[in-house]
Amino acid sequence: QYCVLCPAGHYCLNSAQRPTACPAGTASQGNSTKCNACAPGMYTGTNVSGASSCNTCPRGFACYRADEDPTECTNGTYSDEGQIACKSCPFGTTSSTAAYVCDMCPRGYECPSP
């Protein structure tokens, strides 16, 4: 008889039980008795279990919850990577959907904050 390490993306409470997949919003690099929650600004996604690592929230998106897919920033908001929320563009600037920077308002237009 031989022993096998608990696989990545799973946790093993004892040697008599089969490995259990980490639930969405958590991850395990393997050989672990628990799954670790993703840090703020990180995610695994909706209906994703068995993750070996958490993903960094991409630029132009917000990761409100680690067990959900990233949400696009709306017009007039932006975010850099690893953010839990989108920020409003400063007065006099604007952005399109899924933006990571705000642009100066075009000449002759008014760009109110959202």
PDB file of N, CA and C in Angstrom:
ATOM      1  N   GLN A   1       0.844  -1.171   0.000  1.00  0.00           N
ATOM      2  CA  GLN A   1       0.000   0.000   0.000  1.00  0.00           C
ATOM      3  C   GLN A   1       0.893   1.239   0.000  1.00  0.00           C
ATOM      4  N   TYR A   2       0.429   2.299  -0.652  1.00  0.00           N
ATOM      5  CA  TYR A   2       1.215   3.518  -0.745  1.00  0.00           C
ATOM      6  C   TYR A   2       0.327   4.732  -0.455  1.00  0.00           C
ATOM      7  N   CYS A   3       0.953   5.822  -0.114  1.00  0.00           N
ATOM      8  CA  CYS A   3       0.233   7.067   0.182  1.00  0.00           C
ATOM      9  C   CYS A   3       0.372   8.020  -1.000  1.00  0.00           C
ATOM     10  N   VAL A   4      -0.669   8.802  -1.213  1.00  0.00           N
ATOM     11  CA  VAL A   4      -0.685   9.782  -2.292  1.00  0.00           C
ATOM     12  C   VAL A   4      -0.965  11.149  -1.667  1.00  0.00           C
ATOM     13  N   LEU A   5      -0.245  12.164  -2.111  1.00  0.00           N
ATOM     14  CA  LEU A   5      -0.474  13.520  -1.611  1.00  0.00           C
ATOM     15  C   LEU A   5      -1.842  14.024  -2.059  1.00  0.00           C
ATOM     16  N   CYS A   6      -2.438  14.846  -1.233  1.00  0.00           N
ATOM     17  CA  CYS A   6      -3.714  15.467  -1.584  1.00  0.00           C
ATOM     18  C   CYS A   6      -3.469  16.385  -2.788  1.00  0.00           C
ATOM     19  N   PRO A   7      -4.269  16.254  -3.854  1.00  0.00           N
ATOM     20  CA  PRO A   7      -4.005  17.031  -5.073  1.00  0.00           C
ATOM     21  C   PRO A   7      -4.329  18.520  -4.927  1.00  0.00           C
ATOM     22  N   ALA A   8      -3.729  19.316  -5.772  1.00  0.00           N
ATOM     23  CA  ALA A   8      -4.005  20.756  -5.825  1.00  0.00           C
ATOM     24  C   ALA A   8      -5.481  20.964  -6.139  1.00  0.00           C
ATOM     25  N   GLY A   9      -6.055  22.018  -5.559  1.00  0.00           N
ATOM     26  CA  GLY A   9      -7.467  22.314  -5.786  1.00  0.00           C
ATOM     27  C   GLY A   9      -8.401  21.514  -4.898  1.00  0.00           C
ATOM     28  N   HIS A  10      -7.829  20.754  -3.974  1.00  0.00           N
ATOM     29  CA  HIS A  10      -8.607  19.896  -3.077  1.00  0.00           C
ATOM     30  C   HIS A  10      -8.081  20.004  -1.653  1.00  0.00           C
ATOM     31  N   TYR A  11      -8.859  19.496  -0.708  1.00  0.00           N
ATOM     32  CA  TYR A  11      -8.385  19.349   0.666  1.00  0.00           C
ATOM     33  C   TYR A  11      -8.699  17.935   1.125  1.00  0.00           C
ATOM     34  N   CYS A  12      -7.901  17.454   2.049  1.00  0.00           N
ATOM     35  CA  CYS A  12      -8.039  16.090   2.555  1.00  0.00           C
ATOM     36  C   CYS A  12      -8.014  16.149   4.080  1.00  0.00           C
ATOM     37  N   LEU A  13      -9.148  15.827   4.694  1.00  0.00           N
ATOM     38  CA  LEU A  13      -9.234  15.892   6.153  1.00  0.00           C
ATOM     39  C   LEU A  13      -8.475  14.757   6.817  1.00  0.00           C
ATOM     40  N   ASN A  14      -8.524  13.587   6.214  1.00  0.00           N
ATOM     41  CA  ASN A  14      -7.751  12.457   6.737  1.00  0.00           C
ATOM     42  C   ASN A  14      -7.513  11.462   5.616  1.00  0.00           C
ATOM     43  N   SER A  15      -6.659  10.514   5.855  1.00  0.00           N
ATOM     44  CA  SER A  15      -6.258   9.576   4.802  1.00  0.00           C
ATOM     45  C   SER A  15      -7.362   8.605   4.419  1.00  0.00           C
ATOM     46  N   ALA A  16      -8.418   8.511   5.228  1.00  0.00           N
ATOM     47  CA  ALA A  16      -9.500   7.576   4.926  1.00  0.00           C
ATOM     48  C   ALA A  16     -10.534   8.177   3.978  1.00  0.00           C
ATOM     49  N   GLN A  17     -10.527   9.490   3.812  1.00  0.00           N
ATOM     50  CA  GLN A  17     -11.504  10.148   2.952  1.00  0.00           C
ATOM     51  C   GLN A  17     -10.906  10.474   1.593  1.00  0.00           C
ATOM     52  N   ARG A  18     -11.780  10.539   0.621  1.00  0.00           N
ATOM     53  CA  ARG A  18     -11.346  10.959  -0.708  1.00  0.00           C
ATOM     54  C   ARG A  18     -11.130  12.472  -0.698  1.00  0.00           C
ATOM     55  N   PRO A  19     -10.278  12.986  -1.579  1.00  0.00           N
ATOM     56  CA  PRO A  19     -10.069  14.436  -1.663  1.00  0.00           C
ATOM     57  C   PRO A  19     -11.385  15.154  -1.990  1.00  0.00           C
ATOM     58  N   THR A  20     -11.573  16.313  -1.391  1.00  0.00           N
ATOM     59  CA  THR A  20     -12.756  17.139  -1.629  1.00  0.00           C
ATOM     60  C   THR A  20     -12.321  18.392  -2.376  1.00  0.00           C
ATOM     61  N   ALA A  21     -13.021  18.710  -3.473  1.00  0.00           N
ATOM     62  CA  ALA A  21     -12.682  19.891  -4.274  1.00  0.00           C
ATOM     63  C   ALA A  21     -12.931  21.164  -3.471  1.00  0.00           C
ATOM     64  N   CYS A  22     -12.039  22.122  -3.606  1.00  0.00           N
ATOM     65  CA  CYS A  22     -12.218  23.420  -2.959  1.00  0.00           C
ATOM     66  C   CYS A  22     -13.438  24.105  -3.571  1.00  0.00           C
ATOM     67  N   PRO A  23     -14.294  24.714  -2.744  1.00  0.00           N
ATOM     68  CA  PRO A  23     -15.449  25.422  -3.299  1.00  0.00           C
ATOM     69  C   PRO A  23     -15.025  26.714  -4.003  1.00  0.00           C
ATOM     70  N   ALA A  24     -15.920  27.248  -4.827  1.00  0.00           N
ATOM     71  CA  ALA A  24     -15.659  28.508  -5.529  1.00  0.00           C
ATOM     72  C   ALA A  24     -15.268  29.586  -4.528  1.00  0.00           C
ATOM     73  N   GLY A  25     -14.296  30.410  -4.899  1.00  0.00           N
ATOM     74  CA  GLY A  25     -13.824  31.486  -4.034  1.00  0.00           C
ATOM     75  C   GLY A  25     -12.695  31.074  -3.113  1.00  0.00           C
ATOM     76  N   THR A  26     -12.277  29.801  -3.215  1.00  0.00           N
ATOM     77  CA  THR A  26     -11.167  29.293  -2.410  1.00  0.00           C
ATOM     78  C   THR A  26     -10.224  28.500  -3.307  1.00  0.00           C
ATOM     79  N   ALA A  27      -9.023  28.220  -2.795  1.00  0.00           N
ATOM     80  CA  ALA A  27      -8.032  27.472  -3.566  1.00  0.00           C
ATOM     81  C   ALA A  27      -7.086  26.739  -2.627  1.00  0.00           C
ATOM     82  N   SER A  28      -6.448  25.718  -3.167  1.00  0.00           N
ATOM     83  CA  SER A  28      -5.446  24.958  -2.421  1.00  0.00           C
ATOM     84  C   SER A  28      -4.355  24.528  -3.386  1.00  0.00           C
ATOM     85  N   GLN A  29      -3.105  24.689  -2.972  1.00  0.00           N
ATOM     86  CA  GLN A  29      -1.988  24.283  -3.822  1.00  0.00           C
ATOM     87  C   GLN A  29      -1.682  22.798  -3.676  1.00  0.00           C
ATOM     88  N   GLY A  30      -2.420  22.118  -2.822  1.00  0.00           N
ATOM     89  CA  GLY A  30      -2.244  20.678  -2.650  1.00  0.00           C
ATOM     90  C   GLY A  30      -1.632  20.327  -1.315  1.00  0.00           C
ATOM     91  N   ASN A  31      -1.756  19.035  -0.951  1.00  0.00           N
ATOM     92  CA  ASN A  31      -1.231  18.516   0.315  1.00  0.00           C
ATOM     93  C   ASN A  31      -1.722  19.362   1.488  1.00  0.00           C
ATOM     94  N   SER A  32      -3.043  19.631   1.501  1.00  0.00           N
ATOM     95  CA  SER A  32      -3.609  20.531   2.495  1.00  0.00           C
ATOM     96  C   SER A  32      -4.861  19.942   3.133  1.00  0.00           C
ATOM     97  N   THR A  33      -5.126  20.360   4.369  1.00  0.00           N
ATOM     98  CA  THR A  33      -6.338  19.942   5.068  1.00  0.00           C
ATOM     99  C   THR A  33      -7.435  21.000   4.967  1.00  0.00           C
ATOM    100  N   LYS A  34      -7.173  22.097   4.258  1.00  0.00           N
ATOM    101  CA  LYS A  34      -8.184  23.140   4.079  1.00  0.00           C
ATOM    102  C   LYS A  34      -7.909  23.915   2.799  1.00  0.00           C
ATOM    103  N   CYS A  35      -8.939  24.602   2.342  1.00  0.00           N
ATOM    104  CA  CYS A  35      -8.801  25.506   1.203  1.00  0.00           C
ATOM    105  C   CYS A  35      -8.727  26.924   1.752  1.00  0.00           C
ATOM    106  N   ASN A  36      -7.951  27.763   1.124  1.00  0.00           N
ATOM    107  CA  ASN A  36      -7.777  29.146   1.565  1.00  0.00           C
ATOM    108  C   ASN A  36      -8.656  30.077   0.742  1.00  0.00           C
ATOM    109  N   ALA A  37      -9.319  31.008   1.427  1.00  0.00           N
ATOM    110  CA  ALA A  37     -10.156  31.994   0.746  1.00  0.00           C
ATOM    111  C   ALA A  37      -9.284  32.895  -0.122  1.00  0.00           C
ATOM    112  N   CYS A  38      -9.802  33.257  -1.285  1.00  0.00           N
ATOM    113  CA  CYS A  38      -9.086  34.195  -2.149  1.00  0.00           C
ATOM    114  C   CYS A  38      -9.026  35.558  -1.449  1.00  0.00           C
ATOM    115  N   ALA A  39      -7.908  36.243  -1.586  1.00  0.00           N
ATOM    116  CA  ALA A  39      -7.732  37.576  -1.010  1.00  0.00           C
ATOM    117  C   ALA A  39      -8.617  38.577  -1.752  1.00  0.00           C
ATOM    118  N   PRO A  40      -8.926  39.725  -1.138  1.00  0.00           N
ATOM    119  CA  PRO A  40      -9.693  40.755  -1.844  1.00  0.00           C
ATOM    120  C   PRO A  40      -9.017  41.112  -3.174  1.00  0.00           C
ATOM    121  N   GLY A  41      -9.838  41.275  -4.220  1.00  0.00           N
ATOM    122  CA  GLY A  41      -9.310  41.579  -5.544  1.00  0.00           C
ATOM    123  C   GLY A  41      -8.881  40.350  -6.320  1.00  0.00           C
ATOM    124  N   MET A  42      -9.142  39.170  -5.760  1.00  0.00           N
ATOM    125  CA  MET A  42      -8.824  37.898  -6.418  1.00  0.00           C
ATOM    126  C   MET A  42     -10.132  37.107  -6.552  1.00  0.00           C
ATOM    127  N   TYR A  43     -10.165  36.143  -7.480  1.00  0.00           N
ATOM    128  CA  TYR A  43     -11.387  35.371  -7.694  1.00  0.00           C
ATOM    129  C   TYR A  43     -11.070  34.010  -8.310  1.00  0.00           C
ATOM    130  N   THR A  44     -12.017  33.097  -8.196  1.00  0.00           N
ATOM    131  CA  THR A  44     -11.945  31.826  -8.931  1.00  0.00           C
ATOM    132  C   THR A  44     -13.019  31.795 -10.001  1.00  0.00           C
ATOM    133  N   GLY A  45     -14.132  32.488  -9.774  1.00  0.00           N
ATOM    134  CA  GLY A  45     -15.212  32.546 -10.744  1.00  0.00           C
ATOM    135  C   GLY A  45     -16.438  31.786 -10.288  1.00  0.00           C
ATOM    136  N   THR A  46     -17.536  32.006 -11.006  1.00  0.00           N
ATOM    137  CA  THR A  46     -18.805  31.364 -10.708  1.00  0.00           C
ATOM    138  C   THR A  46     -18.756  29.892 -11.085  1.00  0.00           C
ATOM    139  N   ASN A  47     -19.270  29.060 -10.230  1.00  0.00           N
ATOM    140  CA  ASN A  47     -19.356  27.615 -10.466  1.00  0.00           C
ATOM    141  C   ASN A  47     -18.004  26.969 -10.735  1.00  0.00           C
ATOM    142  N   VAL A  48     -16.947  27.543 -10.195  1.00  0.00           N
ATOM    143  CA  VAL A  48     -15.615  26.959 -10.350  1.00  0.00           C
ATOM    144  C   VAL A  48     -15.220  26.336  -9.020  1.00  0.00           C
ATOM    145  N   SER A  49     -15.022  25.035  -9.013  1.00  0.00           N
ATOM    146  CA  SER A  49     -14.527  24.371  -7.812  1.00  0.00           C
ATOM    147  C   SER A  49     -13.232  23.660  -8.179  1.00  0.00           C
ATOM    148  N   GLY A  50     -12.442  23.357  -7.179  1.00  0.00           N
ATOM    149  CA  GLY A  50     -11.188  22.653  -7.431  1.00  0.00           C
ATOM    150  C   GLY A  50     -10.074  23.542  -7.945  1.00  0.00           C
ATOM    151  N   ALA A  51     -10.088  24.826  -7.583  1.00  0.00           N
ATOM    152  CA  ALA A  51      -9.039  25.746  -8.053  1.00  0.00           C
ATOM    153  C   ALA A  51      -7.756  25.551  -7.250  1.00  0.00           C
ATOM    154  N   SER A  52      -6.633  25.555  -7.949  1.00  0.00           N
ATOM    155  CA  SER A  52      -5.339  25.450  -7.278  1.00  0.00           C
ATOM    156  C   SER A  52      -4.772  26.825  -6.940  1.00  0.00           C
ATOM    157  N   SER A  53      -5.343  27.882  -7.536  1.00  0.00           N
ATOM    158  CA  SER A  53      -4.922  29.250  -7.228  1.00  0.00           C
ATOM    159  C   SER A  53      -6.055  30.203  -7.572  1.00  0.00           C
ATOM    160  N   CYS A  54      -5.977  31.399  -7.020  1.00  0.00           N
ATOM    161  CA  CYS A  54      -6.957  32.444  -7.303  1.00  0.00           C
ATOM    162  C   CYS A  54      -6.395  33.338  -8.405  1.00  0.00           C
ATOM    163  N   ASN A  55      -7.283  33.903  -9.206  1.00  0.00           N
ATOM    164  CA  ASN A  55      -6.890  34.799 -10.291  1.00  0.00           C
ATOM    165  C   ASN A  55      -6.967  36.245  -9.831  1.00  0.00           C
ATOM    166  N   THR A  56      -6.074  37.082 -10.349  1.00  0.00           N
ATOM    167  CA  THR A  56      -6.123  38.515 -10.068  1.00  0.00           C
ATOM    168  C   THR A  56      -7.216  39.143 -10.915  1.00  0.00           C
ATOM    169  N   CYS A  57      -8.034  39.979 -10.294  1.00  0.00           N
ATOM    170  CA  CYS A  57      -9.092  40.666 -11.023  1.00  0.00           C
ATOM    171  C   CYS A  57      -8.451  41.531 -12.115  1.00  0.00           C
ATOM    172  N   PRO A  58      -8.921  41.408 -13.368  1.00  0.00           N
ATOM    173  CA  PRO A  58      -8.287  42.161 -14.459  1.00  0.00           C
ATOM    174  C   PRO A  58      -8.618  43.651 -14.431  1.00  0.00           C
ATOM    175  N   ARG A  59      -7.794  44.436 -15.124  1.00  0.00           N
ATOM    176  CA  ARG A  59      -8.033  45.874 -15.260  1.00  0.00           C
ATOM    177  C   ARG A  59      -9.370  46.091 -15.961  1.00  0.00           C
ATOM    178  N   GLY A  60     -10.097  47.117 -15.523  1.00  0.00           N
ATOM    179  CA  GLY A  60     -11.385  47.426 -16.139  1.00  0.00           C
ATOM    180  C   GLY A  60     -12.535  46.615 -15.565  1.00  0.00           C
ATOM    181  N   PHE A  61     -12.264  45.845 -14.526  1.00  0.00           N
ATOM    182  CA  PHE A  61     -13.276  45.001 -13.890  1.00  0.00           C
ATOM    183  C   PHE A  61     -13.192  45.153 -12.375  1.00  0.00           C
ATOM    184  N   ALA A  62     -14.267  44.790 -11.698  1.00  0.00           N
ATOM    185  CA  ALA A  62     -14.290  44.750 -10.235  1.00  0.00           C
ATOM    186  C   ALA A  62     -14.608  43.326  -9.807  1.00  0.00           C
ATOM    187  N   CYS A  63     -13.986  42.890  -8.741  1.00  0.00           N
ATOM    188  CA  CYS A  63     -14.248  41.556  -8.195  1.00  0.00           C
ATOM    189  C   CYS A  63     -14.867  41.736  -6.815  1.00  0.00           C
ATOM    190  N   TYR A  64     -16.181  41.863  -6.814  1.00  0.00           N
ATOM    191  CA  TYR A  64     -16.913  42.089  -5.569  1.00  0.00           C
ATOM    192  C   TYR A  64     -16.866  40.857  -4.672  1.00  0.00           C
ATOM    193  N   ARG A  65     -16.908  39.674  -5.284  1.00  0.00           N
ATOM    194  CA  ARG A  65     -16.880  38.416  -4.533  1.00  0.00           C
ATOM    195  C   ARG A  65     -15.936  37.443  -5.229  1.00  0.00           C
ATOM    196  N   ALA A  66     -15.209  36.683  -4.454  1.00  0.00           N
ATOM    197  CA  ALA A  66     -14.232  35.739  -5.004  1.00  0.00           C
ATOM    198  C   ALA A  66     -14.889  34.554  -5.696  1.00  0.00           C
ATOM    199  N   ASP A  67     -16.153  34.273  -5.357  1.00  0.00           N
ATOM    200  CA  ASP A  67     -16.838  33.132  -5.959  1.00  0.00           C
ATOM    201  C   ASP A  67     -17.731  33.537  -7.132  1.00  0.00           C
ATOM    202  N   GLU A  68     -17.514  34.738  -7.659  1.00  0.00           N
ATOM    203  CA  GLU A  68     -18.248  35.209  -8.829  1.00  0.00           C
ATOM    204  C   GLU A  68     -17.266  35.680  -9.894  1.00  0.00           C
ATOM    205  N   ASP A  69     -17.748  35.747 -11.136  1.00  0.00           N
ATOM    206  CA  ASP A  69     -16.917  36.259 -12.220  1.00  0.00           C
ATOM    207  C   ASP A  69     -16.748  37.770 -12.062  1.00  0.00           C
ATOM    208  N   PRO A  70     -15.646  38.335 -12.580  1.00  0.00           N
ATOM    209  CA  PRO A  70     -15.446  39.784 -12.512  1.00  0.00           C
ATOM    210  C   PRO A  70     -16.582  40.534 -13.213  1.00  0.00           C
ATOM    211  N   THR A  71     -16.881  41.735 -12.722  1.00  0.00           N
ATOM    212  CA  THR A  71     -17.927  42.590 -13.277  1.00  0.00           C
ATOM    213  C   THR A  71     -17.270  43.761 -13.999  1.00  0.00           C
ATOM    214  N   GLU A  72     -17.690  44.003 -15.258  1.00  0.00           N
ATOM    215  CA  GLU A  72     -17.126  45.122 -16.025  1.00  0.00           C
ATOM    216  C   GLU A  72     -17.432  46.455 -15.361  1.00  0.00           C
ATOM    217  N   CYS A  73     -16.449  47.338 -15.369  1.00  0.00           N
ATOM    218  CA  CYS A  73     -16.700  48.711 -14.931  1.00  0.00           C
ATOM    219  C   CYS A  73     -17.601  49.372 -15.971  1.00  0.00           C
ATOM    220  N   THR A  74     -18.547  50.162 -15.526  1.00  0.00           N
ATOM    221  CA  THR A  74     -19.481  50.819 -16.437  1.00  0.00           C
ATOM    222  C   THR A  74     -18.892  52.130 -16.952  1.00  0.00           C
ATOM    223  N   ASN A  75     -19.572  52.742 -17.929  1.00  0.00           N
ATOM    224  CA  ASN A  75     -19.133  54.039 -18.455  1.00  0.00           C
ATOM    225  C   ASN A  75     -18.970  55.027 -17.311  1.00  0.00           C
ATOM    226  N   GLY A  76     -17.873  55.780 -17.339  1.00  0.00           N
ATOM    227  CA  GLY A  76     -17.623  56.782 -16.316  1.00  0.00           C
ATOM    228  C   GLY A  76     -16.922  56.241 -15.084  1.00  0.00           C
ATOM    229  N   THR A  77     -16.546  54.960 -15.114  1.00  0.00           N
ATOM    230  CA  THR A  77     -15.803  54.359 -14.003  1.00  0.00           C
ATOM    231  C   THR A  77     -14.602  53.598 -14.555  1.00  0.00           C
ATOM    232  N   TYR A  78     -13.672  53.246 -13.669  1.00  0.00           N
ATOM    233  CA  TYR A  78     -12.454  52.553 -14.091  1.00  0.00           C
ATOM    234  C   TYR A  78     -11.902  51.738 -12.929  1.00  0.00           C
ATOM    235  N   SER A  79     -10.968  50.847 -13.234  1.00  0.00           N
ATOM    236  CA  SER A  79     -10.236  50.136 -12.172  1.00  0.00           C
ATOM    237  C   SER A  79      -8.929  49.597 -12.722  1.00  0.00           C
ATOM    238  N   ASP A  80      -7.951  49.516 -11.855  1.00  0.00           N
ATOM    239  CA  ASP A  80      -6.693  48.851 -12.176  1.00  0.00           C
ATOM    240  C   ASP A  80      -6.878  47.385 -11.802  1.00  0.00           C
ATOM    241  N   GLU A  81      -5.898  46.536 -12.058  1.00  0.00           N
ATOM    242  CA  GLU A  81      -6.066  45.126 -11.726  1.00  0.00           C
ATOM    243  C   GLU A  81      -6.056  44.914 -10.212  1.00  0.00           C
ATOM    244  N   GLY A  82      -6.732  43.857  -9.790  1.00  0.00           N
ATOM    245  CA  GLY A  82      -6.754  43.496  -8.379  1.00  0.00           C
ATOM    246  C   GLY A  82      -7.678  44.342  -7.522  1.00  0.00           C
ATOM    247  N   GLN A  83      -8.687  44.959  -8.130  1.00  0.00           N
ATOM    248  CA  GLN A  83      -9.590  45.842  -7.384  1.00  0.00           C
ATOM    249  C   GLN A  83     -10.906  45.147  -7.043  1.00  0.00           C
ATOM    250  N   ILE A  84     -11.485  45.534  -5.909  1.00  0.00           N
ATOM    251  CA  ILE A  84     -12.769  44.960  -5.513  1.00  0.00           C
ATOM    252  C   ILE A  84     -13.937  45.827  -5.975  1.00  0.00           C
ATOM    253  N   ALA A  85     -13.665  47.049  -6.444  1.00  0.00           N
ATOM    254  CA  ALA A  85     -14.720  47.942  -6.915  1.00  0.00           C
ATOM    255  C   ALA A  85     -14.168  48.886  -7.974  1.00  0.00           C
ATOM    256  N   CYS A  86     -15.070  49.367  -8.832  1.00  0.00           N
ATOM    257  CA  CYS A  86     -14.701  50.371  -9.828  1.00  0.00           C
ATOM    258  C   CYS A  86     -14.796  51.747  -9.173  1.00  0.00           C
ATOM    259  N   LYS A  87     -13.950  52.669  -9.615  1.00  0.00           N
ATOM    260  CA  LYS A  87     -13.944  54.037  -9.085  1.00  0.00           C
ATOM    261  C   LYS A  87     -14.530  54.975 -10.129  1.00  0.00           C
ATOM    262  N   SER A  88     -15.170  56.039  -9.665  1.00  0.00           N
ATOM    263  CA  SER A  88     -15.700  57.055 -10.576  1.00  0.00           C
ATOM    264  C   SER A  88     -14.552  57.850 -11.174  1.00  0.00           C
ATOM    265  N   CYS A  89     -14.684  58.176 -12.455  1.00  0.00           N
ATOM    266  CA  CYS A  89     -13.681  59.026 -13.097  1.00  0.00           C
ATOM    267  C   CYS A  89     -13.746  60.418 -12.474  1.00  0.00           C
ATOM    268  N   PRO A  90     -12.604  61.086 -12.342  1.00  0.00           N
ATOM    269  CA  PRO A  90     -12.605  62.452 -11.810  1.00  0.00           C
ATOM    270  C   PRO A  90     -13.401  63.391 -12.717  1.00  0.00           C
ATOM    271  N   PHE A  91     -13.871  64.500 -12.149  1.00  0.00           N
ATOM    272  CA  PHE A  91     -14.626  65.490 -12.915  1.00  0.00           C
ATOM    273  C   PHE A  91     -13.821  65.923 -14.140  1.00  0.00           C
ATOM    274  N   GLY A  92     -14.489  66.036 -15.279  1.00  0.00           N
ATOM    275  CA  GLY A  92     -13.830  66.469 -16.510  1.00  0.00           C
ATOM    276  C   GLY A  92     -13.202  65.336 -17.293  1.00  0.00           C
ATOM    277  N   THR A  93     -13.371  64.104 -16.810  1.00  0.00           N
ATOM    278  CA  THR A  93     -12.862  62.934 -17.534  1.00  0.00           C
ATOM    279  C   THR A  93     -13.996  61.933 -17.702  1.00  0.00           C
ATOM    280  N   THR A  94     -13.783  60.972 -18.575  1.00  0.00           N
ATOM    281  CA  THR A  94     -14.787  59.945 -18.839  1.00  0.00           C
ATOM    282  C   THR A  94     -14.096  58.644 -19.216  1.00  0.00           C
ATOM    283  N   SER A  95     -14.872  57.586 -19.308  1.00  0.00           N
ATOM    284  CA  SER A  95     -14.320  56.290 -19.726  1.00  0.00           C
ATOM    285  C   SER A  95     -15.408  55.485 -20.409  1.00  0.00           C
ATOM    286  N   SER A  96     -14.988  54.484 -21.144  1.00  0.00           N
ATOM    287  CA  SER A  96     -15.930  53.550 -21.748  1.00  0.00           C
ATOM    288  C   SER A  96     -16.060  52.342 -20.820  1.00  0.00           C
ATOM    289  N   THR A  97     -16.853  51.381 -21.219  1.00  0.00           N
ATOM    290  CA  THR A  97     -17.035  50.163 -20.432  1.00  0.00           C
ATOM    291  C   THR A  97     -15.724  49.396 -20.324  1.00  0.00           C
ATOM    292  N   ALA A  98     -15.489  48.772 -19.178  1.00  0.00           N
ATOM    293  CA  ALA A  98     -14.294  47.953 -18.913  1.00  0.00           C
ATOM    294  C   ALA A  98     -13.000  48.756 -19.047  1.00  0.00           C
ATOM    295  N   ALA A  99     -13.028  50.004 -18.599  1.00  0.00           N
ATOM    296  CA  ALA A  99     -11.857  50.875 -18.713  1.00  0.00           C
ATOM    297  C   ALA A  99     -10.948  50.750 -17.502  1.00  0.00           C
ATOM    298  N   TYR A 100      -9.667  50.997 -17.729  1.00  0.00           N
ATOM    299  CA  TYR A 100      -8.715  51.037 -16.623  1.00  0.00           C
ATOM    300  C   TYR A 100      -8.077  52.419 -16.492  1.00  0.00           C
ATOM    301  N   VAL A 101      -8.438  53.332 -17.372  1.00  0.00           N
ATOM    302  CA  VAL A 101      -8.021  54.731 -17.265  1.00  0.00           C
ATOM    303  C   VAL A 101      -9.200  55.609 -17.675  1.00  0.00           C
ATOM    304  N   CYS A 102      -9.172  56.846 -17.226  1.00  0.00           N
ATOM    305  CA  CYS A 102     -10.171  57.826 -17.644  1.00  0.00           C
ATOM    306  C   CYS A 102      -9.501  58.794 -18.609  1.00  0.00           C
ATOM    307  N   ASP A 103     -10.233  59.199 -19.622  1.00  0.00           N
ATOM    308  CA  ASP A 103      -9.715  60.124 -20.629  1.00  0.00           C
ATOM    309  C   ASP A 103     -10.320  61.505 -20.410  1.00  0.00           C
ATOM    310  N   MET A 104      -9.585  62.527 -20.839  1.00  0.00           N
ATOM    311  CA  MET A 104     -10.105  63.891 -20.752  1.00  0.00           C
ATOM    312  C   MET A 104     -11.382  63.977 -21.578  1.00  0.00           C
ATOM    313  N   CYS A 105     -12.315  64.738 -21.084  1.00  0.00           N
ATOM    314  CA  CYS A 105     -13.570  64.943 -21.792  1.00  0.00           C
ATOM    315  C   CYS A 105     -13.273  65.658 -23.118  1.00  0.00           C
ATOM    316  N   PRO A 106     -13.867  65.192 -24.233  1.00  0.00           N
ATOM    317  CA  PRO A 106     -13.605  65.843 -25.523  1.00  0.00           C
ATOM    318  C   PRO A 106     -14.019  67.316 -25.494  1.00  0.00           C
ATOM    319  N   ARG A 107     -13.267  68.145 -26.215  1.00  0.00           N
ATOM    320  CA  ARG A 107     -13.543  69.584 -26.278  1.00  0.00           C
ATOM    321  C   ARG A 107     -14.983  69.793 -26.759  1.00  0.00           C
ATOM    322  N   GLY A 108     -15.684  70.659 -26.048  1.00  0.00           N
ATOM    323  CA  GLY A 108     -17.062  70.974 -26.418  1.00  0.00           C
ATOM    324  C   GLY A 108     -18.094  70.060 -25.771  1.00  0.00           C
ATOM    325  N   TYR A 109     -17.656  69.107 -24.969  1.00  0.00           N
ATOM    326  CA  TYR A 109     -18.576  68.185 -24.296  1.00  0.00           C
ATOM    327  C   TYR A 109     -18.437  68.335 -22.786  1.00  0.00           C
ATOM    328  N   GLU A 110     -19.517  68.023 -22.102  1.00  0.00           N
ATOM    329  CA  GLU A 110     -19.493  68.025 -20.640  1.00  0.00           C
ATOM    330  C   GLU A 110     -19.483  66.574 -20.175  1.00  0.00           C
ATOM    331  N   CYS A 111     -18.612  66.252 -19.249  1.00  0.00           N
ATOM    332  CA  CYS A 111     -18.511  64.885 -18.740  1.00  0.00           C
ATOM    333  C   CYS A 111     -18.780  64.886 -17.240  1.00  0.00           C
ATOM    334  N   PRO A 112     -20.054  64.815 -16.849  1.00  0.00           N
ATOM    335  CA  PRO A 112     -20.342  64.774 -15.416  1.00  0.00           C
ATOM    336  C   PRO A 112     -19.937  63.430 -14.823  1.00  0.00           C
ATOM    337  N   SER A 113     -19.708  63.423 -13.549  1.00  0.00           N
ATOM    338  CA  SER A 113     -19.382  62.166 -12.868  1.00  0.00           C
ATOM    339  C   SER A 113     -20.628  61.295 -12.813  1.00  0.00           C
ATOM    340  N   PRO A 114     -20.450  59.956 -12.844  1.00  0.00           N
ATOM    341  CA  PRO A 114     -21.625  59.062 -12.809  1.00  0.00           C
ATOM    342  C   PRO A 114     -22.341  59.122 -11.467  1.00  0.00           C
TER     343      PRO A 114
END
